[in-house]
Amino acid sequence: MATKRQIDVLSYKICKWLYPRRKTDGQGGWAEIEPKDINGLYRIIQELIKLKCAPDADGDFPIEVHITNRRLGYHVGADIPYPSNDETKRLRILGGLCASAIEQFHTALRIIEEHRRETD
């Protein structure tokens, strides 16, 4: 359980992070975000997790957070569940099928590029 002091310190960090407020450009775009905004938010979230959850034997926590500055790009990661033995077999089969499909796609692309070179 978090102590009152820990909660007060975290509350102060949150208030400090919230100032100054980032405003949009008035043209429909997103507010400007600085690297210190992302880093500060990440540290606050990490502190919340540490106050809520005890780490495992390796020092890892059961919650992991990824923050994306959408002004710079999109987050394309996805949570991957821990598979059971049956799921592992299915995932290996699916992985093999995907690898085969990608190989076939690359072969088709190479043929198309060769054909374009011949016709140009």
PDB file of N, CA and C in Angstrom:
ATOM      1  N   MET A   1       0.848  -1.187   0.000  1.00  0.00           N
ATOM      2  CA  MET A   1       0.000   0.000   0.000  1.00  0.00           C
ATOM      3  C   MET A   1       0.885   1.238   0.000  1.00  0.00           C
ATOM      4  N   ALA A   2       0.509   2.199  -0.794  1.00  0.00           N
ATOM      5  CA  ALA A   2       1.270   3.438  -0.888  1.00  0.00           C
ATOM      6  C   ALA A   2       1.074   4.271   0.378  1.00  0.00           C
ATOM      7  N   THR A   3       2.143   4.914   0.792  1.00  0.00           N
ATOM      8  CA  THR A   3       2.055   5.794   1.957  1.00  0.00           C
ATOM      9  C   THR A   3       1.489   7.144   1.533  1.00  0.00           C
ATOM     10  N   LYS A   4       1.027   7.911   2.502  1.00  0.00           N
ATOM     11  CA  LYS A   4       0.512   9.252   2.208  1.00  0.00           C
ATOM     12  C   LYS A   4       1.607  10.098   1.572  1.00  0.00           C
ATOM     13  N   ARG A   5       2.823   9.965   2.045  1.00  0.00           N
ATOM     14  CA  ARG A   5       3.953  10.734   1.491  1.00  0.00           C
ATOM     15  C   ARG A   5       4.178  10.383   0.009  1.00  0.00           C
ATOM     16  N   GLN A   6       4.143   9.085  -0.316  1.00  0.00           N
ATOM     17  CA  GLN A   6       4.323   8.665  -1.707  1.00  0.00           C
ATOM     18  C   GLN A   6       3.215   9.224  -2.595  1.00  0.00           C
ATOM     19  N   ILE A   7       1.986   9.190  -2.089  1.00  0.00           N
ATOM     20  CA  ILE A   7       0.852   9.716  -2.855  1.00  0.00           C
ATOM     21  C   ILE A   7       0.990  11.224  -3.031  1.00  0.00           C
ATOM     22  N   ASP A   8       1.408  11.932  -1.973  1.00  0.00           N
ATOM     23  CA  ASP A   8       1.595  13.383  -2.065  1.00  0.00           C
ATOM     24  C   ASP A   8       2.679  13.746  -3.075  1.00  0.00           C
ATOM     25  N   VAL A   9       3.796  13.007  -3.058  1.00  0.00           N
ATOM     26  CA  VAL A   9       4.890  13.263  -4.006  1.00  0.00           C
ATOM     27  C   VAL A   9       4.416  13.024  -5.430  1.00  0.00           C
ATOM     28  N   LEU A  10       3.695  11.930  -5.647  1.00  0.00           N
ATOM     29  CA  LEU A  10       3.197  11.631  -6.979  1.00  0.00           C
ATOM     30  C   LEU A  10       2.170  12.677  -7.422  1.00  0.00           C
ATOM     31  N   SER A  11       1.310  13.108  -6.522  1.00  0.00           N
ATOM     32  CA  SER A  11       0.329  14.151  -6.849  1.00  0.00           C
ATOM     33  C   SER A  11       1.027  15.438  -7.272  1.00  0.00           C
ATOM     34  N   TYR A  12       2.093  15.780  -6.577  1.00  0.00           N
ATOM     35  CA  TYR A  12       2.866  16.972  -6.925  1.00  0.00           C
ATOM     36  C   TYR A  12       3.465  16.821  -8.326  1.00  0.00           C
ATOM     37  N   LYS A  13       4.017  15.654  -8.633  1.00  0.00           N
ATOM     38  CA  LYS A  13       4.611  15.413  -9.955  1.00  0.00           C
ATOM     39  C   LYS A  13       3.557  15.502 -11.055  1.00  0.00           C
ATOM     40  N   ILE A  14       2.364  15.000 -10.779  1.00  0.00           N
ATOM     41  CA  ILE A  14       1.281  15.082 -11.760  1.00  0.00           C
ATOM     42  C   ILE A  14       0.898  16.535 -12.010  1.00  0.00           C
ATOM     43  N   CYS A  15       0.733  17.304 -10.942  1.00  0.00           N
ATOM     44  CA  CYS A  15       0.387  18.723 -11.092  1.00  0.00           C
ATOM     45  C   CYS A  15       1.472  19.468 -11.855  1.00  0.00           C
ATOM     46  N   LYS A  16       2.717  19.187 -11.549  1.00  0.00           N
ATOM     47  CA  LYS A  16       3.842  19.829 -12.239  1.00  0.00           C
ATOM     48  C   LYS A  16       3.846  19.436 -13.719  1.00  0.00           C
ATOM     49  N   TRP A  17       3.536  18.169 -14.020  1.00  0.00           N
ATOM     50  CA  TRP A  17       3.516  17.706 -15.407  1.00  0.00           C
ATOM     51  C   TRP A  17       2.401  18.391 -16.202  1.00  0.00           C
ATOM     52  N   LEU A  18       1.284  18.652 -15.544  1.00  0.00           N
ATOM     53  CA  LEU A  18       0.140  19.258 -16.232  1.00  0.00           C
ATOM     54  C   LEU A  18       0.360  20.718 -16.615  1.00  0.00           C
ATOM     55  N   TYR A  19       1.371  21.347 -16.035  1.00  0.00           N
ATOM     56  CA  TYR A  19       1.637  22.761 -16.333  1.00  0.00           C
ATOM     57  C   TYR A  19       2.918  22.892 -17.130  1.00  0.00           C
ATOM     58  N   PRO A  20       3.003  23.657 -18.193  1.00  0.00           N
ATOM     59  CA  PRO A  20       1.911  24.407 -18.812  1.00  0.00           C
ATOM     60  C   PRO A  20       1.061  23.511 -19.714  1.00  0.00           C
ATOM     61  N   ARG A  21      -0.178  23.914 -19.864  1.00  0.00           N
ATOM     62  CA  ARG A  21      -1.095  23.175 -20.734  1.00  0.00           C
ATOM     63  C   ARG A  21      -0.680  23.393 -22.181  1.00  0.00           C
ATOM     64  N   ARG A  22      -0.665  22.320 -22.947  1.00  0.00           N
ATOM     65  CA  ARG A  22      -0.327  22.395 -24.373  1.00  0.00           C
ATOM     66  C   ARG A  22      -1.618  22.651 -25.157  1.00  0.00           C
ATOM     67  N   LYS A  23      -1.589  23.663 -26.010  1.00  0.00           N
ATOM     68  CA  LYS A  23      -2.785  24.051 -26.768  1.00  0.00           C
ATOM     69  C   LYS A  23      -2.600  23.735 -28.244  1.00  0.00           C
ATOM     70  N   THR A  24      -3.721  23.520 -28.922  1.00  0.00           N
ATOM     71  CA  THR A  24      -3.675  23.265 -30.363  1.00  0.00           C
ATOM     72  C   THR A  24      -3.300  24.548 -31.088  1.00  0.00           C
ATOM     73  N   ASP A  25      -2.995  24.392 -32.359  1.00  0.00           N
ATOM     74  CA  ASP A  25      -2.615  25.548 -33.174  1.00  0.00           C
ATOM     75  C   ASP A  25      -3.821  26.363 -33.637  1.00  0.00           C
ATOM     76  N   GLY A  26      -5.022  25.927 -33.300  1.00  0.00           N
ATOM     77  CA  GLY A  26      -6.231  26.632 -33.716  1.00  0.00           C
ATOM     78  C   GLY A  26      -6.680  26.263 -35.126  1.00  0.00           C
ATOM     79  N   GLN A  27      -5.915  25.434 -35.801  1.00  0.00           N
ATOM     80  CA  GLN A  27      -6.234  25.033 -37.174  1.00  0.00           C
ATOM     81  C   GLN A  27      -6.708  23.579 -37.237  1.00  0.00           C
ATOM     82  N   GLY A  28      -6.996  22.997 -36.097  1.00  0.00           N
ATOM     83  CA  GLY A  28      -7.452  21.612 -36.069  1.00  0.00           C
ATOM     84  C   GLY A  28      -6.350  20.607 -35.812  1.00  0.00           C
ATOM     85  N   GLY A  29      -5.126  21.071 -35.671  1.00  0.00           N
ATOM     86  CA  GLY A  29      -3.999  20.174 -35.417  1.00  0.00           C
ATOM     87  C   GLY A  29      -3.851  19.869 -33.938  1.00  0.00           C
ATOM     88  N   TRP A  30      -2.975  18.928 -33.649  1.00  0.00           N
ATOM     89  CA  TRP A  30      -2.715  18.547 -32.264  1.00  0.00           C
ATOM     90  C   TRP A  30      -1.834  19.563 -31.565  1.00  0.00           C
ATOM     91  N   ALA A  31      -1.924  19.556 -30.263  1.00  0.00           N
ATOM     92  CA  ALA A  31      -1.058  20.408 -29.457  1.00  0.00           C
ATOM     93  C   ALA A  31       0.391  19.959 -29.615  1.00  0.00           C
ATOM     94  N   GLU A  32       1.311  20.900 -29.489  1.00  0.00           N
ATOM     95  CA  GLU A  32       2.740  20.590 -29.551  1.00  0.00           C
ATOM     96  C   GLU A  32       3.124  19.776 -28.317  1.00  0.00           C
ATOM     97  N   ILE A  33       3.859  18.720 -28.530  1.00  0.00           N
ATOM     98  CA  ILE A  33       4.313  17.864 -27.437  1.00  0.00           C
ATOM     99  C   ILE A  33       5.830  17.816 -27.484  1.00  0.00           C
ATOM    100  N   GLU A  34       6.447  18.018 -26.347  1.00  0.00           N
ATOM    101  CA  GLU A  34       7.907  17.974 -26.269  1.00  0.00           C
ATOM    102  C   GLU A  34       8.341  16.622 -25.697  1.00  0.00           C
ATOM    103  N   PRO A  35       9.577  16.212 -25.970  1.00  0.00           N
ATOM    104  CA  PRO A  35      10.060  14.949 -25.404  1.00  0.00           C
ATOM    105  C   PRO A  35       9.939  14.901 -23.881  1.00  0.00           C
ATOM    106  N   LYS A  36      10.127  16.032 -23.215  1.00  0.00           N
ATOM    107  CA  LYS A  36      10.009  16.027 -21.753  1.00  0.00           C
ATOM    108  C   LYS A  36       8.572  15.730 -21.311  1.00  0.00           C
ATOM    109  N   ASP A  37       7.578  16.062 -22.145  1.00  0.00           N
ATOM    110  CA  ASP A  37       6.184  15.731 -21.822  1.00  0.00           C
ATOM    111  C   ASP A  37       5.989  14.211 -21.831  1.00  0.00           C
ATOM    112  N   ILE A  38       6.494  13.571 -22.867  1.00  0.00           N
ATOM    113  CA  ILE A  38       6.373  12.115 -22.985  1.00  0.00           C
ATOM    114  C   ILE A  38       7.142  11.433 -21.856  1.00  0.00           C
ATOM    115  N   ASN A  39       8.375  11.863 -21.639  1.00  0.00           N
ATOM    116  CA  ASN A  39       9.205  11.251 -20.594  1.00  0.00           C
ATOM    117  C   ASN A  39       8.600  11.440 -19.207  1.00  0.00           C
ATOM    118  N   GLY A  40       8.079  12.642 -18.941  1.00  0.00           N
ATOM    119  CA  GLY A  40       7.454  12.910 -17.643  1.00  0.00           C
ATOM    120  C   GLY A  40       6.227  12.043 -17.414  1.00  0.00           C
ATOM    121  N   LEU A  41       5.392  11.917 -18.444  1.00  0.00           N
ATOM    122  CA  LEU A  41       4.199  11.074 -18.324  1.00  0.00           C
ATOM    123  C   LEU A  41       4.590   9.619 -18.102  1.00  0.00           C
ATOM    124  N   TYR A  42       5.602   9.159 -18.818  1.00  0.00           N
ATOM    125  CA  TYR A  42       6.055   7.776 -18.659  1.00  0.00           C
ATOM    126  C   TYR A  42       6.541   7.534 -17.225  1.00  0.00           C
ATOM    127  N   ARG A  43       7.313   8.465 -16.679  1.00  0.00           N
ATOM    128  CA  ARG A  43       7.817   8.293 -15.303  1.00  0.00           C
ATOM    129  C   ARG A  43       6.670   8.282 -14.291  1.00  0.00           C
ATOM    130  N   ILE A  44       5.665   9.121 -14.503  1.00  0.00           N
ATOM    131  CA  ILE A  44       4.507   9.150 -13.608  1.00  0.00           C
ATOM    132  C   ILE A  44       3.763   7.808 -13.651  1.00  0.00           C
ATOM    133  N   ILE A  45       3.548   7.297 -14.856  1.00  0.00           N
ATOM    134  CA  ILE A  45       2.847   6.012 -14.994  1.00  0.00           C
ATOM    135  C   ILE A  45       3.657   4.896 -14.351  1.00  0.00           C
ATOM    136  N   GLN A  46       4.980   4.911 -14.542  1.00  0.00           N
ATOM    137  CA  GLN A  46       5.830   3.898 -13.916  1.00  0.00           C
ATOM    138  C   GLN A  46       5.717   3.967 -12.389  1.00  0.00           C
ATOM    139  N   GLU A  47       5.681   5.164 -11.840  1.00  0.00           N
ATOM    140  CA  GLU A  47       5.533   5.304 -10.385  1.00  0.00           C
ATOM    141  C   GLU A  47       4.190   4.765  -9.915  1.00  0.00           C
ATOM    142  N   LEU A  48       3.128   5.042 -10.680  1.00  0.00           N
ATOM    143  CA  LEU A  48       1.810   4.497 -10.333  1.00  0.00           C
ATOM    144  C   LEU A  48       1.848   2.969 -10.283  1.00  0.00           C
ATOM    145  N   ILE A  49       2.468   2.379 -11.290  1.00  0.00           N
ATOM    146  CA  ILE A  49       2.560   0.915 -11.346  1.00  0.00           C
ATOM    147  C   ILE A  49       3.341   0.395 -10.147  1.00  0.00           C
ATOM    148  N   LYS A  50       4.450   1.053  -9.817  1.00  0.00           N
ATOM    149  CA  LYS A  50       5.276   0.605  -8.696  1.00  0.00           C
ATOM    150  C   LYS A  50       4.549   0.746  -7.361  1.00  0.00           C
ATOM    151  N   LEU A  51       3.699   1.757  -7.241  1.00  0.00           N
ATOM    152  CA  LEU A  51       2.924   1.919  -6.007  1.00  0.00           C
ATOM    153  C   LEU A  51       1.795   0.891  -5.917  1.00  0.00           C
ATOM    154  N   LYS A  52       1.279   0.472  -7.053  1.00  0.00           N
ATOM    155  CA  LYS A  52       0.156  -0.473  -7.084  1.00  0.00           C
ATOM    156  C   LYS A  52       0.609  -1.934  -6.980  1.00  0.00           C
ATOM    157  N   CYS A  53       1.701  -2.280  -7.673  1.00  0.00           N
ATOM    158  CA  CYS A  53       2.097  -3.676  -7.811  1.00  0.00           C
ATOM    159  C   CYS A  53       3.505  -3.926  -7.268  1.00  0.00           C
ATOM    160  N   ALA A  54       3.670  -5.068  -6.653  1.00  0.00           N
ATOM    161  CA  ALA A  54       5.008  -5.497  -6.240  1.00  0.00           C
ATOM    162  C   ALA A  54       5.697  -6.144  -7.446  1.00  0.00           C
ATOM    163  N   PRO A  55       7.016  -5.978  -7.573  1.00  0.00           N
ATOM    164  CA  PRO A  55       7.721  -6.623  -8.687  1.00  0.00           C
ATOM    165  C   PRO A  55       7.890  -8.116  -8.452  1.00  0.00           C
ATOM    166  N   ASP A  56       8.166  -8.839  -9.527  1.00  0.00           N
ATOM    167  CA  ASP A  56       8.450 -10.269  -9.392  1.00  0.00           C
ATOM    168  C   ASP A  56       9.912 -10.454  -8.970  1.00  0.00           C
ATOM    169  N   ALA A  57      10.374 -11.679  -8.958  1.00  0.00           N
ATOM    170  CA  ALA A  57      11.730 -11.987  -8.496  1.00  0.00           C
ATOM    171  C   ALA A  57      12.803 -11.314  -9.353  1.00  0.00           C
ATOM    172  N   ASP A  58      12.500 -11.042 -10.619  1.00  0.00           N
ATOM    173  CA  ASP A  58      13.453 -10.384 -11.517  1.00  0.00           C
ATOM    174  C   ASP A  58      13.363  -8.863 -11.464  1.00  0.00           C
ATOM    175  N   GLY A  59      12.398  -8.350 -10.681  1.00  0.00           N
ATOM    176  CA  GLY A  59      12.215  -6.904 -10.610  1.00  0.00           C
ATOM    177  C   GLY A  59      11.268  -6.352 -11.665  1.00  0.00           C
ATOM    178  N   ASP A  60      10.594  -7.251 -12.396  1.00  0.00           N
ATOM    179  CA  ASP A  60       9.647  -6.828 -13.433  1.00  0.00           C
ATOM    180  C   ASP A  60       8.260  -6.639 -12.829  1.00  0.00           C
ATOM    181  N   PHE A  61       7.495  -5.746 -13.464  1.00  0.00           N
ATOM    182  CA  PHE A  61       6.138  -5.475 -13.014  1.00  0.00           C
ATOM    183  C   PHE A  61       5.140  -6.084 -13.991  1.00  0.00           C
ATOM    184  N   PRO A  62       3.925  -6.419 -13.523  1.00  0.00           N
ATOM    185  CA  PRO A  62       2.957  -7.090 -14.392  1.00  0.00           C
ATOM    186  C   PRO A  62       2.281  -6.181 -15.412  1.00  0.00           C
ATOM    187  N   ILE A  63       2.564  -4.890 -15.357  1.00  0.00           N
ATOM    188  CA  ILE A  63       1.963  -3.944 -16.295  1.00  0.00           C
ATOM    189  C   ILE A  63       3.089  -3.269 -17.062  1.00  0.00           C
ATOM    190  N   GLU A  64       2.923  -3.192 -18.379  1.00  0.00           N
ATOM    191  CA  GLU A  64       3.897  -2.510 -19.223  1.00  0.00           C
ATOM    192  C   GLU A  64       3.150  -1.476 -20.052  1.00  0.00           C
ATOM    193  N   VAL A  65       3.720  -0.296 -20.176  1.00  0.00           N
ATOM    194  CA  VAL A  65       3.052   0.798 -20.875  1.00  0.00           C
ATOM    195  C   VAL A  65       3.941   1.301 -22.011  1.00  0.00           C
ATOM    196  N   HIS A  66       3.326   1.559 -23.146  1.00  0.00           N
ATOM    197  CA  HIS A  66       4.001   2.173 -24.285  1.00  0.00           C
ATOM    198  C   HIS A  66       3.273   3.476 -24.595  1.00  0.00           C
ATOM    199  N   ILE A  67       4.018   4.549 -24.711  1.00  0.00           N
ATOM    200  CA  ILE A  67       3.421   5.852 -25.008  1.00  0.00           C
ATOM    201  C   ILE A  67       3.920   6.290 -26.372  1.00  0.00           C
ATOM    202  N   THR A  68       3.012   6.760 -27.198  1.00  0.00           N
ATOM    203  CA  THR A  68       3.360   7.197 -28.548  1.00  0.00           C
ATOM    204  C   THR A  68       3.002   8.659 -28.724  1.00  0.00           C
ATOM    205  N   ASN A  69       3.960   9.436 -29.217  1.00  0.00           N
ATOM    206  CA  ASN A  69       3.686  10.817 -29.614  1.00  0.00           C
ATOM    207  C   ASN A  69       3.086  10.744 -31.011  1.00  0.00           C
ATOM    208  N   ARG A  70       1.795  10.885 -31.114  1.00  0.00           N
ATOM    209  CA  ARG A  70       1.103  10.707 -32.395  1.00  0.00           C
ATOM    210  C   ARG A  70       1.401  11.820 -33.384  1.00  0.00           C
ATOM    211  N   ARG A  71       2.069  12.873 -32.930  1.00  0.00           N
ATOM    212  CA  ARG A  71       2.526  13.892 -33.880  1.00  0.00           C
ATOM    213  C   ARG A  71       3.676  13.341 -34.720  1.00  0.00           C
ATOM    214  N   LEU A  72       4.358  12.322 -34.199  1.00  0.00           N
ATOM    215  CA  LEU A  72       5.528  11.763 -34.883  1.00  0.00           C
ATOM    216  C   LEU A  72       5.260  10.426 -35.559  1.00  0.00           C
ATOM    217  N   GLY A  73       4.242   9.698 -35.101  1.00  0.00           N
ATOM    218  CA  GLY A  73       3.978   8.395 -35.692  1.00  0.00           C
ATOM    219  C   GLY A  73       2.888   7.666 -34.946  1.00  0.00           C
ATOM    220  N   TYR A  74       2.666   6.423 -35.354  1.00  0.00           N
ATOM    221  CA  TYR A  74       1.631   5.586 -34.760  1.00  0.00           C
ATOM    222  C   TYR A  74       2.261   4.402 -34.051  1.00  0.00           C
ATOM    223  N   HIS A  75       1.629   3.959 -32.998  1.00  0.00           N
ATOM    224  CA  HIS A  75       2.065   2.748 -32.314  1.00  0.00           C
ATOM    225  C   HIS A  75       1.418   1.573 -33.026  1.00  0.00           C
ATOM    226  N   VAL A  76       2.221   0.630 -33.465  1.00  0.00           N
ATOM    227  CA  VAL A  76       1.669  -0.507 -34.190  1.00  0.00           C
ATOM    228  C   VAL A  76       1.841  -1.820 -33.439  1.00  0.00           C
ATOM    229  N   GLY A  77       2.318  -1.753 -32.228  1.00  0.00           N
ATOM    230  CA  GLY A  77       2.495  -2.963 -31.430  1.00  0.00           C
ATOM    231  C   GLY A  77       1.162  -3.524 -30.985  1.00  0.00           C
ATOM    232  N   ALA A  78       1.191  -4.763 -30.579  1.00  0.00           N
ATOM    233  CA  ALA A  78      -0.021  -5.416 -30.085  1.00  0.00           C
ATOM    234  C   ALA A  78       0.352  -6.335 -28.936  1.00  0.00           C
ATOM    235  N   ASP A  79      -0.557  -6.504 -28.008  1.00  0.00           N
ATOM    236  CA  ASP A  79      -0.335  -7.457 -26.931  1.00  0.00           C
ATOM    237  C   ASP A  79      -0.407  -8.866 -27.504  1.00  0.00           C
ATOM    238  N   ILE A  80       0.543  -9.678 -27.146  1.00  0.00           N
ATOM    239  CA  ILE A  80       0.573 -11.065 -27.588  1.00  0.00           C
ATOM    240  C   ILE A  80       0.386 -11.933 -26.351  1.00  0.00           C
ATOM    241  N   PRO A  81      -0.722 -12.664 -26.268  1.00  0.00           N
ATOM    242  CA  PRO A  81      -0.962 -13.478 -25.070  1.00  0.00           C
ATOM    243  C   PRO A  81       0.025 -14.636 -24.985  1.00  0.00           C
ATOM    244  N   TYR A  82       0.304 -15.050 -23.761  1.00  0.00           N
ATOM    245  CA  TYR A  82       1.139 -16.235 -23.566  1.00  0.00           C
ATOM    246  C   TYR A  82       0.336 -17.443 -24.019  1.00  0.00           C
ATOM    247  N   PRO A  83       0.843 -18.183 -25.001  1.00  0.00           N
ATOM    248  CA  PRO A  83       0.058 -19.302 -25.523  1.00  0.00           C
ATOM    249  C   PRO A  83       0.215 -20.580 -24.701  1.00  0.00           C
ATOM    250  N   SER A  84      -0.831 -21.417 -24.746  1.00  0.00           N
ATOM    251  CA  SER A  84      -0.749 -22.762 -24.167  1.00  0.00           C
ATOM    252  C   SER A  84      -0.020 -23.647 -25.174  1.00  0.00           C
ATOM    253  N   ASN A  85       0.210 -24.907 -24.833  1.00  0.00           N
ATOM    254  CA  ASN A  85       0.900 -25.816 -25.760  1.00  0.00           C
ATOM    255  C   ASN A  85       0.150 -25.965 -27.080  1.00  0.00           C
ATOM    256  N   ASP A  86      -1.185 -26.128 -27.020  1.00  0.00           N
ATOM    257  CA  ASP A  86      -1.969 -26.255 -28.245  1.00  0.00           C
ATOM    258  C   ASP A  86      -1.898 -24.975 -29.067  1.00  0.00           C
ATOM    259  N   GLU A  87      -1.976 -23.841 -28.379  1.00  0.00           N
ATOM    260  CA  GLU A  87      -1.898 -22.565 -29.082  1.00  0.00           C
ATOM    261  C   GLU A  87      -0.515 -22.367 -29.702  1.00  0.00           C
ATOM    262  N   THR A  88       0.513 -22.837 -29.013  1.00  0.00           N
ATOM    263  CA  THR A  88       1.867 -22.727 -29.545  1.00  0.00           C
ATOM    264  C   THR A  88       1.984 -23.481 -30.858  1.00  0.00           C
ATOM    265  N   LYS A  89       1.407 -24.685 -30.919  1.00  0.00           N
ATOM    266  CA  LYS A  89       1.432 -25.458 -32.163  1.00  0.00           C
ATOM    267  C   LYS A  89       0.714 -24.704 -33.277  1.00  0.00           C
ATOM    268  N   ARG A  90      -0.475 -24.166 -32.961  1.00  0.00           N
ATOM    269  CA  ARG A  90      -1.234 -23.416 -33.969  1.00  0.00           C
ATOM    270  C   ARG A  90      -0.470 -22.174 -34.417  1.00  0.00           C
ATOM    271  N   LEU A  91       0.179 -21.491 -33.471  1.00  0.00           N
ATOM    272  CA  LEU A  91       0.947 -20.300 -33.829  1.00  0.00           C
ATOM    273  C   LEU A  91       2.140 -20.653 -34.720  1.00  0.00           C
ATOM    274  N   ARG A  92       2.793 -21.782 -34.458  1.00  0.00           N
ATOM    275  CA  ARG A  92       3.911 -22.208 -35.309  1.00  0.00           C
ATOM    276  C   ARG A  92       3.418 -22.503 -36.728  1.00  0.00           C
ATOM    277  N   ILE A  93       2.277 -23.178 -36.832  1.00  0.00           N
ATOM    278  CA  ILE A  93       1.700 -23.476 -38.155  1.00  0.00           C
ATOM    279  C   ILE A  93       1.345 -22.170 -38.857  1.00  0.00           C
ATOM    280  N   LEU A  94       0.676 -21.269 -38.130  1.00  0.00           N
ATOM    281  CA  LEU A  94       0.298 -19.980 -38.699  1.00  0.00           C
ATOM    282  C   LEU A  94       1.536 -19.187 -39.120  1.00  0.00           C
ATOM    283  N   GLY A  95       2.581 -19.219 -38.285  1.00  0.00           N
ATOM    284  CA  GLY A  95       3.827 -18.533 -38.629  1.00  0.00           C
ATOM    285  C   GLY A  95       4.441 -19.082 -39.896  1.00  0.00           C
ATOM    286  N   GLY A  96       4.411 -20.400 -40.039  1.00  0.00           N
ATOM    287  CA  GLY A  96       4.923 -21.022 -41.258  1.00  0.00           C
ATOM    288  C   GLY A  96       4.122 -20.610 -42.481  1.00  0.00           C
ATOM    289  N   LEU A  97       2.791 -20.581 -42.338  1.00  0.00           N
ATOM    290  CA  LEU A  97       1.940 -20.151 -43.452  1.00  0.00           C
ATOM    291  C   LEU A  97       2.204 -18.692 -43.821  1.00  0.00           C
ATOM    292  N   CYS A  98       2.366 -17.849 -42.810  1.00  0.00           N
ATOM    293  CA  CYS A  98       2.656 -16.431 -43.069  1.00  0.00           C
ATOM    294  C   CYS A  98       3.999 -16.267 -43.762  1.00  0.00           C
ATOM    295  N   ALA A  99       5.003 -16.999 -43.295  1.00  0.00           N
ATOM    296  CA  ALA A  99       6.328 -16.926 -43.915  1.00  0.00           C
ATOM    297  C   ALA A  99       6.253 -17.368 -45.375  1.00  0.00           C
ATOM    298  N   SER A 100       5.489 -18.414 -45.637  1.00  0.00           N
ATOM    299  CA  SER A 100       5.330 -18.902 -47.005  1.00  0.00           C
ATOM    300  C   SER A 100       4.619 -17.859 -47.871  1.00  0.00           C
ATOM    301  N   ALA A 101       3.579 -17.252 -47.327  1.00  0.00           N
ATOM    302  CA  ALA A 101       2.843 -16.230 -48.076  1.00  0.00           C
ATOM    303  C   ALA A 101       3.738 -15.028 -48.374  1.00  0.00           C
ATOM    304  N   ILE A 102       4.549 -14.625 -47.413  1.00  0.00           N
ATOM    305  CA  ILE A 102       5.455 -13.498 -47.628  1.00  0.00           C
ATOM    306  C   ILE A 102       6.480 -13.836 -48.702  1.00  0.00           C
ATOM    307  N   GLU A 103       6.999 -15.056 -48.662  1.00  0.00           N
ATOM    308  CA  GLU A 103       7.965 -15.495 -49.683  1.00  0.00           C
ATOM    309  C   GLU A 103       7.326 -15.467 -51.066  1.00  0.00           C
ATOM    310  N   GLN A 104       6.072 -15.949 -51.160  1.00  0.00           N
ATOM    311  CA  GLN A 104       5.368 -15.933 -52.445  1.00  0.00           C
ATOM    312  C   GLN A 104       5.117 -14.500 -52.910  1.00  0.00           C
ATOM    313  N   PHE A 105       4.786 -13.623 -51.983  1.00  0.00           N
ATOM    314  CA  PHE A 105       4.573 -12.217 -52.320  1.00  0.00           C
ATOM    315  C   PHE A 105       5.850 -11.604 -52.882  1.00  0.00           C
ATOM    316  N   HIS A 106       6.988 -11.869 -52.238  1.00  0.00           N
ATOM    317  CA  HIS A 106       8.265 -11.332 -52.711  1.00  0.00           C
ATOM    318  C   HIS A 106       8.614 -11.888 -54.093  1.00  0.00           C
ATOM    319  N   THR A 107       8.308 -13.160 -54.315  1.00  0.00           N
ATOM    320  CA  THR A 107       8.554 -13.756 -55.632  1.00  0.00           C
ATOM    321  C   THR A 107       7.704 -13.061 -56.685  1.00  0.00           C
ATOM    322  N   ALA A 108       6.431 -12.854 -56.390  1.00  0.00           N
ATOM    323  CA  ALA A 108       5.539 -12.180 -57.331  1.00  0.00           C
ATOM    324  C   ALA A 108       6.010 -10.750 -57.593  1.00  0.00           C
ATOM    325  N   LEU A 109       6.438 -10.064 -56.567  1.00  0.00           N
ATOM    326  CA  LEU A 109       6.926  -8.698 -56.725  1.00  0.00           C
ATOM    327  C   LEU A 109       8.174  -8.668 -57.607  1.00  0.00           C
ATOM    328  N   ARG A 110       9.084  -9.614 -57.409  1.00  0.00           N
ATOM    329  CA  ARG A 110      10.293  -9.688 -58.228  1.00  0.00           C
ATOM    330  C   ARG A 110       9.927  -9.922 -59.696  1.00  0.00           C
ATOM    331  N   ILE A 111       8.960 -10.808 -59.943  1.00  0.00           N
ATOM    332  CA  ILE A 111       8.521 -11.089 -61.322  1.00  0.00           C
ATOM    333  C   ILE A 111       7.927  -9.833 -61.947  1.00  0.00           C
ATOM    334  N   ILE A 112       7.110  -9.115 -61.201  1.00  0.00           N
ATOM    335  CA  ILE A 112       6.496  -7.885 -61.710  1.00  0.00           C
ATOM    336  C   ILE A 112       7.571  -6.857 -62.039  1.00  0.00           C
ATOM    337  N   GLU A 113       8.551  -6.696 -61.141  1.00  0.00           N
ATOM    338  CA  GLU A 113       9.627  -5.723 -61.386  1.00  0.00           C
ATOM    339  C   GLU A 113      10.441  -6.120 -62.617  1.00  0.00           C
ATOM    340  N   GLU A 114      10.747  -7.424 -62.779  1.00  0.00           N
ATOM    341  CA  GLU A 114      11.477  -7.882 -63.964  1.00  0.00           C
ATOM    342  C   GLU A 114      10.675  -7.603 -65.226  1.00  0.00           C
ATOM    343  N   HIS A 115       9.383  -7.845 -65.167  1.00  0.00           N
ATOM    344  CA  HIS A 115       8.517  -7.606 -66.325  1.00  0.00           C
ATOM    345  C   HIS A 115       8.516  -6.114 -66.674  1.00  0.00           C
ATOM    346  N   ARG A 116       8.444  -5.246 -65.689  1.00  0.00           N
ATOM    347  CA  ARG A 116       8.452  -3.792 -65.949  1.00  0.00           C
ATOM    348  C   ARG A 116       9.766  -3.373 -66.611  1.00  0.00           C
ATOM    349  N   ARG A 117      10.881  -3.935 -66.141  1.00  0.00           N
ATOM    350  CA  ARG A 117      12.168  -3.592 -66.740  1.00  0.00           C
ATOM    351  C   ARG A 117      12.231  -4.033 -68.196  1.00  0.00           C
ATOM    352  N   GLU A 118      11.648  -5.195 -68.473  1.00  0.00           N
ATOM    353  CA  GLU A 118      11.674  -5.703 -69.851  1.00  0.00           C
ATOM    354  C   GLU A 118      10.799  -4.887 -70.776  1.00  0.00           C
ATOM    355  N   THR A 119       9.700  -4.317 -70.258  1.00  0.00           N
ATOM    356  CA  THR A 119       8.766  -3.580 -71.105  1.00  0.00           C
ATOM    357  C   THR A 119       9.102  -2.093 -71.189  1.00  0.00           C
ATOM    358  N   ASP A 120       9.998  -1.612 -70.351  1.00  0.00           N
ATOM    359  CA  ASP A 120      10.377  -0.179 -70.394  1.00  0.00           C
ATOM    360  C   ASP A 120      11.396   0.104 -71.454  1.00  0.00           C
TER     361      ASP A 120
END
